[in-house]
PDB file of N, CA and C in Angstrom:
ATOM      1  N   MET A   1       0.870  -1.159   0.000  1.00  0.00           N
ATOM      2  CA  MET A   1      -0.016  -0.006  -0.032  1.00  0.00           C
ATOM      3  C   MET A   1       0.817   1.214   0.002  1.00  0.00           C
ATOM      4  N   LYS A   2       0.616   2.099  -0.927  1.00  0.00           N
ATOM      5  CA  LYS A   2       1.448   3.339  -1.016  1.00  0.00           C
ATOM      6  C   LYS A   2       0.811   4.411  -0.191  1.00  0.00           C
ATOM      7  N   THR A   3       1.618   5.131   0.548  1.00  0.00           N
ATOM      8  CA  THR A   3       1.158   6.250   1.409  1.00  0.00           C
ATOM      9  C   THR A   3       1.598   7.526   0.687  1.00  0.00           C
ATOM     10  N   ASN A   4       0.798   8.555   0.691  1.00  0.00           N
ATOM     11  CA  ASN A   4       1.080   9.798   0.189  1.00  0.00           C
ATOM     12  C   ASN A   4       1.882  10.588   1.257  1.00  0.00           C
ATOM     13  N   LEU A   5       2.751  11.365   0.761  1.00  0.00           N
ATOM     14  CA  LEU A   5       3.714  12.146   1.617  1.00  0.00           C
ATOM     15  C   LEU A   5       3.245  13.545   1.868  1.00  0.00           C
ATOM     16  N   LYS A   6       3.685  14.208   2.860  1.00  0.00           N
ATOM     17  CA  LYS A   6       3.443  15.629   3.084  1.00  0.00           C
ATOM     18  C   LYS A   6       4.758  16.279   2.995  1.00  0.00           C
ATOM     19  N   ILE A   7       4.971  17.068   1.995  1.00  0.00           N
ATOM     20  CA  ILE A   7       6.309  17.617   1.669  1.00  0.00           C
ATOM     21  C   ILE A   7       6.348  19.137   1.807  1.00  0.00           C
ATOM     22  N   ALA A   8       7.216  19.681   2.587  1.00  0.00           N
ATOM     23  CA  ALA A   8       7.472  21.112   2.717  1.00  0.00           C
ATOM     24  C   ALA A   8       8.593  21.512   1.939  1.00  0.00           C
ATOM     25  N   ILE A   9       8.471  22.578   1.116  1.00  0.00           N
ATOM     26  CA  ILE A   9       9.569  23.101   0.350  1.00  0.00           C
ATOM     27  C   ILE A   9       9.786  24.521   0.677  1.00  0.00           C
ATOM     28  N   TYR A  10      10.982  24.875   1.060  1.00  0.00           N
ATOM     29  CA  TYR A  10      11.360  26.305   1.216  1.00  0.00           C
ATOM     30  C   TYR A  10      11.984  26.811   0.101  1.00  0.00           C
ATOM     31  N   SER A  11      11.454  27.822  -0.507  1.00  0.00           N
ATOM     32  CA  SER A  11      12.127  28.507  -1.667  1.00  0.00           C
ATOM     33  C   SER A  11      12.327  29.932  -1.289  1.00  0.00           C
ATOM     34  N   GLY A  12      13.387  30.556  -1.724  1.00  0.00           N
ATOM     35  CA  GLY A  12      13.593  31.916  -1.350  1.00  0.00           C
ATOM     36  C   GLY A  12      12.491  32.888  -1.796  1.00  0.00           C
ATOM     37  N   GLU A  13      11.882  32.525  -3.021  1.00  0.00           N
ATOM     38  CA  GLU A  13      10.902  33.418  -3.515  1.00  0.00           C
ATOM     39  C   GLU A  13       9.784  32.568  -4.130  1.00  0.00           C
ATOM     40  N   LEU A  14       8.621  33.132  -3.964  1.00  0.00           N
ATOM     41  CA  LEU A  14       7.412  32.370  -4.672  1.00  0.00           C
ATOM     42  C   LEU A  14       6.874  33.278  -5.779  1.00  0.00           C
ATOM     43  N   PRO A  15       6.759  32.912  -7.019  1.00  0.00           N
ATOM     44  CA  PRO A  15       7.041  31.623  -7.566  1.00  0.00           C
ATOM     45  C   PRO A  15       8.538  31.454  -7.650  1.00  0.00           C
ATOM     46  N   SER A  16       8.981  30.094  -7.734  1.00  0.00           N
ATOM     47  CA  SER A  16      10.384  29.766  -7.712  1.00  0.00           C
ATOM     48  C   SER A  16      10.865  29.618  -9.187  1.00  0.00           C
ATOM     49  N   THR A  17      11.996  28.945  -9.340  1.00  0.00           N
ATOM     50  CA  THR A  17      12.541  28.640 -10.585  1.00  0.00           C
ATOM     51  C   THR A  17      11.633  27.661 -11.317  1.00  0.00           C
ATOM     52  N   THR A  18      11.824  27.554 -12.670  1.00  0.00           N
ATOM     53  CA  THR A  18      11.072  26.653 -13.399  1.00  0.00           C
ATOM     54  C   THR A  18      11.186  25.152 -13.039  1.00  0.00           C
ATOM     55  N   PHE A  19      12.427  24.796 -12.657  1.00  0.00           N
ATOM     56  CA  PHE A  19      12.673  23.468 -12.151  1.00  0.00           C
ATOM     57  C   PHE A  19      11.894  23.180 -10.930  1.00  0.00           C
ATOM     58  N   ILE A  20      11.919  24.065  -9.918  1.00  0.00           N
ATOM     59  CA  ILE A  20      11.170  23.804  -8.626  1.00  0.00           C
ATOM     60  C   ILE A  20       9.651  23.837  -8.880  1.00  0.00           C
ATOM     61  N   GLU A  21       9.202  24.718  -9.745  1.00  0.00           N
ATOM     62  CA  GLU A  21       7.721  24.714  -9.999  1.00  0.00           C
ATOM     63  C   GLU A  21       7.250  23.495 -10.775  1.00  0.00           C
ATOM     64  N   ARG A  22       8.068  22.951 -11.640  1.00  0.00           N
ATOM     65  CA  ARG A  22       7.671  21.661 -12.331  1.00  0.00           C
ATOM     66  C   ARG A  22       7.792  20.471 -11.264  1.00  0.00           C
ATOM     67  N   LEU A  23       8.772  20.543 -10.382  1.00  0.00           N
ATOM     68  CA  LEU A  23       8.858  19.500  -9.280  1.00  0.00           C
ATOM     69  C   LEU A  23       7.596  19.545  -8.413  1.00  0.00           C
ATOM     70  N   ILE A  24       7.201  20.707  -8.078  1.00  0.00           N
ATOM     71  CA  ILE A  24       5.955  20.788  -7.184  1.00  0.00           C
ATOM     72  C   ILE A  24       4.738  20.288  -7.884  1.00  0.00           C
ATOM     73  N   VAL A  25       4.566  20.632  -9.153  1.00  0.00           N
ATOM     74  CA  VAL A  25       3.309  20.101  -9.851  1.00  0.00           C
ATOM     75  C   VAL A  25       3.397  18.586 -10.010  1.00  0.00           C
ATOM     76  N   GLY A  26       4.673  18.090 -10.355  1.00  0.00           N
ATOM     77  CA  GLY A  26       4.753  16.652 -10.517  1.00  0.00           C
ATOM     78  C   GLY A  26       4.615  15.878  -9.181  1.00  0.00           C
ATOM     79  N   LEU A  27       5.088  16.372  -8.130  1.00  0.00           N
ATOM     80  CA  LEU A  27       4.915  15.657  -6.873  1.00  0.00           C
ATOM     81  C   LEU A  27       3.356  15.720  -6.376  1.00  0.00           C
ATOM     82  N   ALA A  28       2.649  16.875  -6.711  1.00  0.00           N
ATOM     83  CA  ALA A  28       1.270  16.994  -6.369  1.00  0.00           C
ATOM     84  C   ALA A  28       0.387  16.084  -7.271  1.00  0.00           C
ATOM     85  N   ALA A  29       0.833  15.869  -8.447  1.00  0.00           N
ATOM     86  CA  ALA A  29       0.110  15.008  -9.381  1.00  0.00           C
ATOM     87  C   ALA A  29       0.211  13.527  -8.970  1.00  0.00           C
ATOM     88  N   ARG A  30       1.218  13.134  -8.258  1.00  0.00           N
ATOM     89  CA  ARG A  30       1.350  11.798  -7.693  1.00  0.00           C
ATOM     90  C   ARG A  30       0.558  11.606  -6.360  1.00  0.00           C
ATOM     91  N   GLY A  31      -0.211  12.704  -5.925  1.00  0.00           N
ATOM     92  CA  GLY A  31      -1.007  12.457  -4.784  1.00  0.00           C
ATOM     93  C   GLY A  31      -0.409  12.983  -3.511  1.00  0.00           C
ATOM     94  N   ASN A  32       0.783  13.611  -3.514  1.00  0.00           N
ATOM     95  CA  ASN A  32       1.414  14.157  -2.347  1.00  0.00           C
ATOM     96  C   ASN A  32       0.884  15.523  -1.966  1.00  0.00           C
ATOM     97  N   GLU A  33       0.907  15.871  -0.697  1.00  0.00           N
ATOM     98  CA  GLU A  33       0.539  17.186  -0.262  1.00  0.00           C
ATOM     99  C   GLU A  33       1.668  18.005  -0.042  1.00  0.00           C
ATOM    100  N   ILE A  34       1.701  19.260  -0.734  1.00  0.00           N
ATOM    101  CA  ILE A  34       2.788  20.088  -0.836  1.00  0.00           C
ATOM    102  C   ILE A  34       2.487  21.434  -0.015  1.00  0.00           C
ATOM    103  N   VAL A  35       3.492  21.837   0.691  1.00  0.00           N
ATOM    104  CA  VAL A  35       3.368  23.242   1.375  1.00  0.00           C
ATOM    105  C   VAL A  35       4.643  23.934   0.966  1.00  0.00           C
ATOM    106  N   LEU A  36       4.420  25.111   0.443  1.00  0.00           N
ATOM    107  CA  LEU A  36       5.492  25.968  -0.081  1.00  0.00           C
ATOM    108  C   LEU A  36       5.756  27.115   0.908  1.00  0.00           C
ATOM    109  N   PHE A  37       7.027  27.362   1.234  1.00  0.00           N
ATOM    110  CA  PHE A  37       7.378  28.583   2.109  1.00  0.00           C
ATOM    111  C   PHE A  37       8.294  29.414   1.364  1.00  0.00           C
ATOM    112  N   GLY A  38       8.166  30.736   1.624  1.00  0.00           N
ATOM    113  CA  GLY A  38       9.059  31.679   1.029  1.00  0.00           C
ATOM    114  C   GLY A  38       8.509  33.015   0.850  1.00  0.00           C
ATOM    115  N   LYS A  39       9.278  33.964   0.302  1.00  0.00           N
ATOM    116  CA  LYS A  39       8.885  35.428   0.134  1.00  0.00           C
ATOM    117  C   LYS A  39       7.951  35.467  -1.026  1.00  0.00           C
ATOM    118  N   ILE A  40       6.841  36.061  -0.917  1.00  0.00           N
ATOM    119  CA  ILE A  40       5.877  36.134  -1.984  1.00  0.00           C
ATOM    120  C   ILE A  40       6.186  37.398  -2.877  1.00  0.00           C
ATOM    121  N   LYS A  41       6.432  37.026  -4.114  1.00  0.00           N
ATOM    122  CA  LYS A  41       6.715  38.056  -5.126  1.00  0.00           C
ATOM    123  C   LYS A  41       5.455  38.298  -5.942  1.00  0.00           C
ATOM    124  N   LYS A  42       4.760  37.112  -6.228  1.00  0.00           N
ATOM    125  CA  LYS A  42       3.517  37.060  -6.960  1.00  0.00           C
ATOM    126  C   LYS A  42       2.717  35.823  -6.585  1.00  0.00           C
ATOM    127  N   LYS A  43       1.378  35.963  -6.418  1.00  0.00           N
ATOM    128  CA  LYS A  43       0.588  34.805  -6.051  1.00  0.00           C
ATOM    129  C   LYS A  43       0.369  33.944  -7.268  1.00  0.00           C
ATOM    130  N   VAL A  44       0.617  32.657  -7.096  1.00  0.00           N
ATOM    131  CA  VAL A  44       0.451  31.644  -8.067  1.00  0.00           C
ATOM    132  C   VAL A  44      -0.706  30.875  -7.822  1.00  0.00           C
ATOM    133  N   ALA A  45      -1.586  30.658  -8.861  1.00  0.00           N
ATOM    134  CA  ALA A  45      -2.763  29.711  -8.647  1.00  0.00           C
ATOM    135  C   ALA A  45      -2.488  28.375  -9.248  1.00  0.00           C
ATOM    136  N   TYR A  46      -2.268  27.441  -8.421  1.00  0.00           N
ATOM    137  CA  TYR A  46      -1.998  26.049  -8.837  1.00  0.00           C
ATOM    138  C   TYR A  46      -3.286  25.353  -9.073  1.00  0.00           C
ATOM    139  N   LYS A  47      -3.349  24.533 -10.066  1.00  0.00           N
ATOM    140  CA  LYS A  47      -4.695  23.804 -10.407  1.00  0.00           C
ATOM    141  C   LYS A  47      -4.976  22.669  -9.481  1.00  0.00           C
ATOM    142  N   ASN A  48      -3.883  22.151  -8.807  1.00  0.00           N
ATOM    143  CA  ASN A  48      -4.084  21.097  -7.772  1.00  0.00           C
ATOM    144  C   ASN A  48      -4.337  21.739  -6.408  1.00  0.00           C
ATOM    145  N   ALA A  49      -5.304  21.158  -5.791  1.00  0.00           N
ATOM    146  CA  ALA A  49      -5.724  21.649  -4.456  1.00  0.00           C
ATOM    147  C   ALA A  49      -4.736  21.254  -3.357  1.00  0.00           C
ATOM    148  N   SER A  50      -3.955  20.217  -3.617  1.00  0.00           N
ATOM    149  CA  SER A  50      -2.988  19.793  -2.514  1.00  0.00           C
ATOM    150  C   SER A  50      -1.750  20.653  -2.409  1.00  0.00           C
ATOM    151  N   ILE A  51      -1.742  21.754  -3.102  1.00  0.00           N
ATOM    152  CA  ILE A  51      -0.537  22.639  -3.086  1.00  0.00           C
ATOM    153  C   ILE A  51      -0.967  23.858  -2.278  1.00  0.00           C
ATOM    154  N   ARG A  52      -0.254  24.202  -1.179  1.00  0.00           N
ATOM    155  CA  ARG A  52      -0.649  25.288  -0.400  1.00  0.00           C
ATOM    156  C   ARG A  52       0.570  26.137  -0.274  1.00  0.00           C
ATOM    157  N   GLN A  53       0.372  27.453  -0.355  1.00  0.00           N
ATOM    158  CA  GLN A  53       1.489  28.415  -0.240  1.00  0.00           C
ATOM    159  C   GLN A  53       1.385  29.219   1.195  1.00  0.00           C
ATOM    160  N   VAL A  54       2.533  29.196   1.807  1.00  0.00           N
ATOM    161  CA  VAL A  54       2.650  29.931   3.019  1.00  0.00           C
ATOM    162  C   VAL A  54       3.827  30.865   2.906  1.00  0.00           C
ATOM    163  N   GLY A  55       3.528  32.179   2.780  1.00  0.00           N
ATOM    164  CA  GLY A  55       4.586  33.164   2.506  1.00  0.00           C
ATOM    165  C   GLY A  55       4.501  34.395   3.340  1.00  0.00           C
ATOM    166  N   PHE A  56       5.559  35.210   3.209  1.00  0.00           N
ATOM    167  CA  PHE A  56       5.572  36.448   3.867  1.00  0.00           C
ATOM    168  C   PHE A  56       6.031  37.563   2.909  1.00  0.00           C
ATOM    169  N   LEU A  57       5.720  38.827   3.264  1.00  0.00           N
ATOM    170  CA  LEU A  57       6.172  39.976   2.601  1.00  0.00           C
ATOM    171  C   LEU A  57       7.625  40.265   3.019  1.00  0.00           C
ATOM    172  N   ASP A  58       8.267  41.123   2.334  1.00  0.00           N
ATOM    173  CA  ASP A  58       9.709  41.452   2.680  1.00  0.00           C
ATOM    174  C   ASP A  58       9.820  42.607   3.556  1.00  0.00           C
ATOM    175  N   THR A  59       9.259  42.558   4.757  1.00  0.00           N
ATOM    176  CA  THR A  59       9.388  43.516   5.757  1.00  0.00           C
ATOM    177  C   THR A  59       9.765  42.958   7.050  1.00  0.00           C
ATOM    178  N   LYS A  60      10.373  43.647   7.921  1.00  0.00           N
ATOM    179  CA  LYS A  60      10.846  43.092   9.235  1.00  0.00           C
ATOM    180  C   LYS A  60       9.717  42.662  10.074  1.00  0.00           C
ATOM    181  N   CYS A  61       8.678  43.519  10.099  1.00  0.00           N
ATOM    182  CA  CYS A  61       7.469  43.153  10.904  1.00  0.00           C
ATOM    183  C   CYS A  61       6.780  41.869  10.497  1.00  0.00           C
ATOM    184  N   ASN A  62       6.639  41.747   9.132  1.00  0.00           N
ATOM    185  CA  ASN A  62       6.028  40.568   8.597  1.00  0.00           C
ATOM    186  C   ASN A  62       6.827  39.241   8.860  1.00  0.00           C
ATOM    187  N   LYS A  63       8.161  39.426   8.735  1.00  0.00           N
ATOM    188  CA  LYS A  63       9.055  38.325   8.980  1.00  0.00           C
ATOM    189  C   LYS A  63       9.065  37.766  10.386  1.00  0.00           C
ATOM    190  N   LEU A  64       9.017  38.904  11.362  1.00  0.00           N
ATOM    191  CA  LEU A  64       8.833  38.441  12.736  1.00  0.00           C
ATOM    192  C   LEU A  64       7.566  37.811  13.079  1.00  0.00           C
ATOM    193  N   PHE A  65       6.474  38.246  12.528  1.00  0.00           N
ATOM    194  CA  PHE A  65       5.104  37.586  12.693  1.00  0.00           C
ATOM    195  C   PHE A  65       5.089  36.176  12.129  1.00  0.00           C
ATOM    196  N   PHE A  66       5.752  36.024  11.057  1.00  0.00           N
ATOM    197  CA  PHE A  66       5.724  34.686  10.388  1.00  0.00           C
ATOM    198  C   PHE A  66       6.562  33.635  11.226  1.00  0.00           C
ATOM    199  N   LEU A  67       7.743  34.185  11.702  1.00  0.00           N
ATOM    200  CA  LEU A  67       8.562  33.356  12.550  1.00  0.00           C
ATOM    201  C   LEU A  67       7.853  33.014  13.848  1.00  0.00           C
ATOM    202  N   ALA A  68       7.146  34.010  14.502  1.00  0.00           N
ATOM    203  CA  ALA A  68       6.469  33.670  15.746  1.00  0.00           C
ATOM    204  C   ALA A  68       5.258  32.732  15.474  1.00  0.00           C
ATOM    205  N   LYS A  69       4.548  32.932  14.430  1.00  0.00           N
ATOM    206  CA  LYS A  69       3.414  32.089  14.168  1.00  0.00           C
ATOM    207  C   LYS A  69       3.773  30.555  13.797  1.00  0.00           C
ATOM    208  N   TYR A  70       4.837  30.413  13.076  1.00  0.00           N
ATOM    209  CA  TYR A  70       5.180  28.989  12.715  1.00  0.00           C
ATOM    210  C   TYR A  70       6.307  28.351  13.413  1.00  0.00           C
ATOM    211  N   SER A  71       6.648  28.932  14.597  1.00  0.00           N
ATOM    212  CA  SER A  71       7.706  28.331  15.454  1.00  0.00           C
ATOM    213  C   SER A  71       7.061  27.440  16.388  1.00  0.00           C
TER     214      SER A  71
END
């Protein structure tokens, strides 16, 4: 029996490079749950519902809030 994985990927910026974006889509297509972390440059709408974005804006206050919330 195959179990689906929960995978967290930290990328410096969202959206990431083409390689990482295709990796995310490929892993989600196999039934894995993907959580993306990084600085939001532009919101990306993925077709797969198992991909979730958790990001922060590039200000000190937002980074501190992000760190406190997810620690």
